[in-house]
Protein backbone atom coordinates (compact mmCIF):
# COMPACT_ATOMS: atom_id res chain seq x y z
CA MET A 1 -0.03 0.18 -0.35
CA LYS A 2 1.29 3.61 -1.41
CA GLU A 3 2.42 6.23 1.33
CA TYR A 4 -0.35 8.81 2.43
CA THR A 5 -0.05 12.52 3.39
CA THR A 6 -2.00 14.22 6.29
CA GLU A 7 -4.02 15.85 3.70
CA SER A 8 -5.33 12.61 2.23
CA ILE A 9 -6.36 10.49 4.93
CA ARG A 10 -9.60 10.74 6.35
CA ASN A 11 -10.70 8.59 9.27
CA ILE A 12 -14.12 7.96 9.03
CA ALA A 13 -16.87 5.96 11.67
CA LEU A 14 -19.72 4.50 10.61
CA VAL A 15 -22.29 4.62 13.04
CA SER A 16 -26.04 3.97 13.54
CA HIS A 17 -28.90 1.95 14.91
CA SER A 18 -28.25 -1.98 14.48
CA SER A 19 -29.10 -3.16 10.81
CA ALA A 20 -28.99 0.39 9.30
CA GLY A 21 -26.35 -1.28 7.03
CA LYS A 22 -22.93 0.02 8.07
CA THR A 23 -20.84 -3.07 7.39
CA MET A 24 -22.32 -3.28 4.14
CA LEU A 25 -21.70 0.01 3.29
CA ALA A 26 -18.13 -0.75 4.29
CA GLU A 27 -18.19 -3.66 1.99
CA ALA A 28 -19.58 -1.73 -1.05
CA PHE A 29 -16.84 0.77 -0.66
CA LEU A 30 -14.37 -2.34 -0.54
CA HIS A 31 -15.72 -3.94 -3.63
CA PHE A 32 -15.71 -0.67 -5.51
CA SER A 33 -12.37 0.43 -5.30
CA GLY A 34 -11.17 -2.56 -5.92
CA ALA A 35 -10.24 -4.10 -2.71
CA THR A 36 -12.07 -7.04 -3.09
CA THR A 37 -13.20 -9.19 -6.15
CA ARG A 38 -16.75 -9.95 -5.36
CA LEU A 39 -18.89 -8.20 -2.70
CA GLY A 40 -19.40 -10.21 0.35
CA LYS A 41 -22.80 -11.14 2.22
CA ILE A 42 -23.53 -11.22 6.20
CA GLU A 43 -26.02 -14.14 5.79
CA ASP A 44 -23.27 -16.11 4.24
CA GLY A 45 -20.80 -14.60 6.76
CA THR A 46 -18.66 -13.35 3.92
CA THR A 47 -18.10 -9.99 4.69
CA VAL A 48 -14.42 -8.39 5.50
CA SER A 49 -15.43 -6.14 8.58
CA ASP A 50 -17.38 -9.24 10.43
CA PHE A 51 -14.85 -11.93 10.59
CA GLU A 52 -14.81 -13.14 14.02
CA GLU A 53 -16.42 -16.62 14.45
CA GLU A 54 -18.66 -15.11 16.85
CA GLU A 55 -19.73 -12.16 14.28
CA ILE A 56 -20.52 -14.61 11.61
CA ARG A 57 -22.41 -16.98 13.79
CA ARG A 58 -24.72 -14.12 15.32
CA ARG A 59 -24.66 -11.72 11.49
CA ILE A 60 -23.70 -9.10 13.87
CA SER A 61 -20.89 -6.72 14.39
CA LEU A 62 -19.63 -7.39 17.78
CA SER A 63 -16.29 -4.81 17.84
CA THR A 64 -14.96 -2.24 15.24
CA SER A 65 -13.54 -3.12 11.99
CA VAL A 66 -11.07 -0.96 10.33
CA LEU A 67 -11.17 -0.77 6.61
CA PRO A 68 -8.78 0.73 4.39
CA VAL A 69 -10.28 2.07 0.84
CA GLU A 70 -8.17 3.96 -1.76
CA TYR A 71 -9.95 6.15 -4.26
CA LYS A 72 -8.46 8.76 -6.48
CA GLY A 73 -5.68 9.17 -4.23
CA CYS A 74 -7.44 9.65 -1.18
CA LYS A 75 -7.28 6.97 1.68
CA LEU A 76 -10.16 6.45 3.61
CA ASN A 77 -10.05 4.47 6.89
CA VAL A 78 -13.64 3.16 7.79
CA LEU A 79 -14.39 2.33 11.00
CA ASP A 80 -17.25 -0.23 10.80
CA THR A 81 -18.81 -0.06 14.33
CA PRO A 82 -21.44 -1.91 15.83
CA GLY A 83 -24.97 -0.93 16.16
CA TYR A 84 -26.35 -2.65 19.74
CA THR A 85 -26.07 -0.74 22.47
CA ASP A 86 -24.65 -3.39 24.33
CA PHE A 87 -21.06 -2.77 22.31
CA ILE A 88 -21.42 1.08 22.70
CA GLY A 89 -17.90 1.34 24.43
CA GLU A 90 -16.90 0.06 20.60
CA VAL A 91 -18.68 3.30 19.37
CA ILE A 92 -17.17 5.51 21.65
CA SER A 93 -13.72 4.55 20.95
CA ALA A 94 -13.90 4.80 17.20
CA LEU A 95 -15.54 8.25 17.41
CA ARG A 96 -12.54 9.33 19.89
CA VAL A 97 -10.27 8.27 17.19
CA ALA A 98 -11.95 9.51 13.75
CA ASP A 99 -12.23 12.52 11.95
CA SER A 100 -15.45 12.64 11.02
CA ALA A 101 -18.67 10.43 11.18
CA ALA A 102 -21.05 9.17 8.87
CA VAL A 103 -24.76 8.50 10.51
CA LEU A 104 -26.46 5.88 8.86
CA VAL A 105 -30.13 5.90 8.77
CA ASP A 106 -32.62 3.39 7.56
CA SER A 107 -34.75 5.03 4.58
CA VAL A 108 -38.21 2.72 6.21
CA ALA A 109 -37.38 3.18 9.87
CA GLY A 110 -35.66 6.51 9.82
CA ALA A 111 -33.90 7.47 12.80
CA GLU A 112 -34.09 5.21 15.93
CA VAL A 113 -32.43 4.96 19.69
CA GLY A 114 -28.83 3.81 18.44
CA THR A 115 -29.39 7.06 15.84
CA GLU A 116 -29.77 9.33 18.80
CA VAL A 117 -27.06 7.77 21.13
CA ALA A 118 -24.63 7.91 18.42
CA LEU A 119 -25.45 11.32 17.68
CA SER A 120 -25.06 12.68 21.20
CA TYR A 121 -21.16 11.01 21.25
CA ILE A 122 -20.36 13.00 18.04
CA ASP A 123 -21.77 15.91 19.64
CA THR A 124 -19.34 15.27 22.63
CA PHE A 125 -16.11 15.15 20.76
CA LYS A 126 -17.19 17.57 18.20
CA LEU A 127 -17.04 15.83 15.05
CA PRO A 128 -18.04 16.65 11.66
CA TRP A 129 -20.78 14.55 10.06
CA LEU A 130 -22.98 13.34 7.38
CA VAL A 131 -26.31 11.13 6.56
CA VAL A 132 -26.61 8.43 4.70
CA ILE A 133 -29.94 7.51 4.17
CA ASN A 134 -29.81 3.83 2.97
CA LYS A 135 -31.78 1.10 2.04
CA MET A 136 -33.77 3.16 -0.60
CA ASN A 137 -34.77 0.00 -2.72
CA ARG A 138 -36.43 -1.55 0.16
CA ASP A 139 -40.26 -1.87 0.18
CA ASN A 140 -42.42 1.72 2.13
CA ALA A 141 -38.62 3.49 1.70
CA ASN A 142 -38.91 7.26 2.06
CA PHE A 143 -36.66 9.78 1.61
CA ARG A 144 -38.62 12.86 3.44
CA LYS A 145 -39.68 11.05 6.18
CA ALA A 146 -36.40 9.51 6.85
CA LEU A 147 -34.07 12.86 6.51
CA GLU A 148 -37.30 14.80 9.00
CA SER A 149 -36.67 11.86 11.69
CA ILE A 150 -32.91 12.53 12.12
CA GLN A 151 -33.56 16.46 11.66
CA GLU A 152 -36.00 16.07 14.77
CA ILE A 153 -33.36 14.42 17.05
CA SER A 154 -30.15 16.89 15.72
CA ASP A 155 -29.90 20.99 16.58
CA LYS A 156 -28.07 21.12 13.18
CA ARG A 157 -29.56 21.84 10.12
CA LEU A 158 -29.40 18.73 7.36
CA ILE A 159 -28.16 19.98 3.94
CA PRO A 160 -29.24 17.29 1.16
CA VAL A 161 -26.73 17.31 -1.68
CA GLN A 162 -28.13 14.32 -3.62
CA LEU A 163 -31.45 13.21 -4.34
CA PRO A 164 -33.09 9.80 -4.73
CA TRP A 165 -33.43 8.66 -8.17
CA GLY A 166 -36.89 7.03 -7.64
CA GLU A 167 -37.54 4.95 -4.36
CA LYS A 168 -38.46 1.07 -3.62
CA ALA A 169 -38.87 -0.82 -6.51
CA ASP A 170 -37.72 1.95 -8.80
CA PHE A 171 -34.73 2.99 -7.01
CA LYS A 172 -32.25 3.51 -9.84
CA GLY A 173 -29.54 5.58 -8.11
CA VAL A 174 -28.93 9.45 -7.23
CA ILE A 175 -28.97 13.04 -8.72
CA ASP A 176 -26.62 15.34 -7.41
CA LEU A 177 -27.18 18.91 -6.65
CA LEU A 178 -23.53 20.31 -7.25
CA THR A 179 -22.41 18.43 -10.70
CA LEU A 180 -26.20 18.63 -11.80
CA LYS A 181 -26.03 15.16 -13.11
CA ALA A 182 -27.70 11.82 -12.16
CA TYR A 183 -25.82 8.92 -11.43
CA PRO A 184 -27.58 5.31 -12.28
CA GLY A 185 -26.45 1.92 -11.02
CA VAL A 186 -22.89 1.82 -9.19
CA GLY A 187 -22.32 5.62 -9.74
CA ASP A 188 -19.77 5.63 -11.80
CA THR A 189 -21.26 7.00 -14.67
CA ALA A 190 -22.96 10.45 -15.22
CA GLN A 191 -25.94 10.95 -17.19
CA ASP A 192 -28.18 14.36 -17.81
CA ILE A 193 -31.27 14.66 -15.16
CA PRO A 194 -34.46 12.95 -16.43
CA ALA A 195 -36.94 16.08 -17.49
CA GLU A 196 -39.41 14.71 -14.44
CA TYR A 197 -37.16 15.64 -11.75
CA GLN A 198 -35.90 19.00 -13.26
CA ASP A 199 -38.30 21.28 -11.16
CA GLU A 200 -37.54 19.34 -7.74
CA VAL A 201 -34.04 19.42 -8.43
CA GLU A 202 -33.91 23.22 -9.26
CA ASN A 203 -35.96 23.95 -6.18
CA ALA A 204 -33.57 21.68 -4.02
CA ARG A 205 -30.30 23.34 -5.23
CA MET A 206 -31.57 27.20 -4.71
CA GLN A 207 -31.90 25.84 -0.99
CA LEU A 208 -28.85 24.47 -0.89
CA ILE A 209 -27.03 27.26 -2.47
CA GLU A 210 -29.13 29.32 -0.06
CA GLU A 211 -27.53 27.53 3.20
CA ALA A 212 -24.21 27.73 1.96
CA ASP A 213 -24.42 31.28 1.52
CA GLU A 214 -25.70 31.15 5.48
CA VAL A 215 -22.82 29.27 6.61
CA ARG A 216 -19.72 30.77 4.52
CA MET A 217 -18.13 32.73 7.68
CA PRO A 218 -14.42 34.33 7.47
CA CYS A 219 -11.91 32.16 9.23
CA SER A 220 -11.65 34.07 12.54
CA LYS A 221 -11.94 32.70 16.16
CA ASN A 222 -14.40 35.33 16.94
CA THR A 223 -17.26 34.90 14.08
CA TRP A 224 -16.51 30.73 13.56
CA LYS A 225 -19.92 29.27 12.88
CA GLU A 226 -20.22 25.34 13.00
CA LYS A 227 -21.29 23.76 9.31
CA SER A 228 -23.93 20.97 8.78
CA TYR A 229 -22.44 18.29 6.51
CA PRO A 230 -25.24 16.90 3.95
CA PRO A 231 -27.58 13.92 3.89
CA LYS A 232 -26.98 11.39 1.16
CA ARG A 233 -28.74 8.60 0.69
CA SER A 234 -28.01 4.87 -0.96
CA CYS A 235 -28.69 1.34 -2.24
CA VAL A 236 -25.86 -0.70 -0.46
CA GLY A 237 -26.99 -4.51 -1.21
CA SER A 238 -27.03 -3.26 -5.34
CA ARG A 239 -23.63 -1.20 -4.90
CA LYS A 240 -25.92 2.17 -5.69
CA TRP A 241 -24.00 5.48 -5.32
CA CYS A 242 -20.76 3.87 -4.30
CA SER A 243 -18.86 6.42 -6.75
CA PRO A 244 -20.44 9.70 -5.52
CA ALA A 245 -20.63 8.74 -1.92
CA THR A 246 -16.47 7.56 -2.03
CA GLY A 247 -15.92 10.90 -3.33
CA TYR A 248 -17.58 13.18 -1.49
CA GLN A 249 -16.19 11.44 1.94
CA CYS A 250 -12.71 12.65 0.13
CA SER A 251 -13.65 16.07 -0.58
CA LEU A 252 -16.65 17.31 2.15
CA LEU A 253 -15.00 15.43 4.98
CA PRO A 254 -11.75 16.64 6.89
CA ASP A 255 -8.26 15.56 7.22
CA ARG A 256 -6.79 15.14 10.92
CA LEU A 257 -4.80 18.51 10.25
CA ARG A 258 -8.43 20.54 9.39
CA LEU A 259 -9.70 18.71 12.01
CA VAL A 260 -7.26 19.94 14.63
CA LEU A 261 -7.20 23.86 12.73
CA HIS A 262 -11.33 23.74 13.29
CA HIS A 263 -10.70 23.00 16.67
CA CYS A 264 -8.14 25.83 17.59
CA TRP A 265 -10.60 28.55 15.65
CA MET A 266 -13.31 27.12 17.86
CA PRO A 267 -14.12 29.85 20.51
CA SER A 268 -13.76 28.57 23.98
């Protein structure tokens, strides 16, 4: 494995309520980046993250696993944490060493107890975080409802940078509000936004621009304001969204140096 400078490394903790899809998201990152030749499955006991005999038998994560993902000159150290509150110590330890966090939310169940617990520790460690609204291909998947559920338990404004391209059985991929492109399937190719989504995309992009303008502040310890990180949505089982997701973790989430500078400028 090649050597990386501090600016090219991201230490990201995946946290959520149990069964929100953390292990399969990490598995999809590994497969998409070429680290593995096939996508493992929890039910088969073939995921890279859950390798212990007891984890395979129970089909749950019992401890935090660190998975290296290399993508376009950036190294992501993905910390896959357990979702059950019995193992909250593993989550705390992962967040303590991470530079940022990705909070997974089930598109059907929405925010749950484990989600709220994870957010409380993210606030304790003052970490930047983003939201992944997962399993968008499931029956009864509802992006807006899931987003609202986590907004209700967070005092940070959540700013979408992507919209789902369909829901439930019609879920095809994501529509990006920054590039103004639609990404089908795994997300490694872009195409024009479908006509039926043009109005929704235009309204969402205007909201994104307005919100971004409000949080743009000069680098002064007297005028620093916290920045909310954007919600995303995915369908890990079919590896949709992997390319834009991996890219955003490199571009939006901070490296260790930027995180240290962030805390240096935070008012005491």
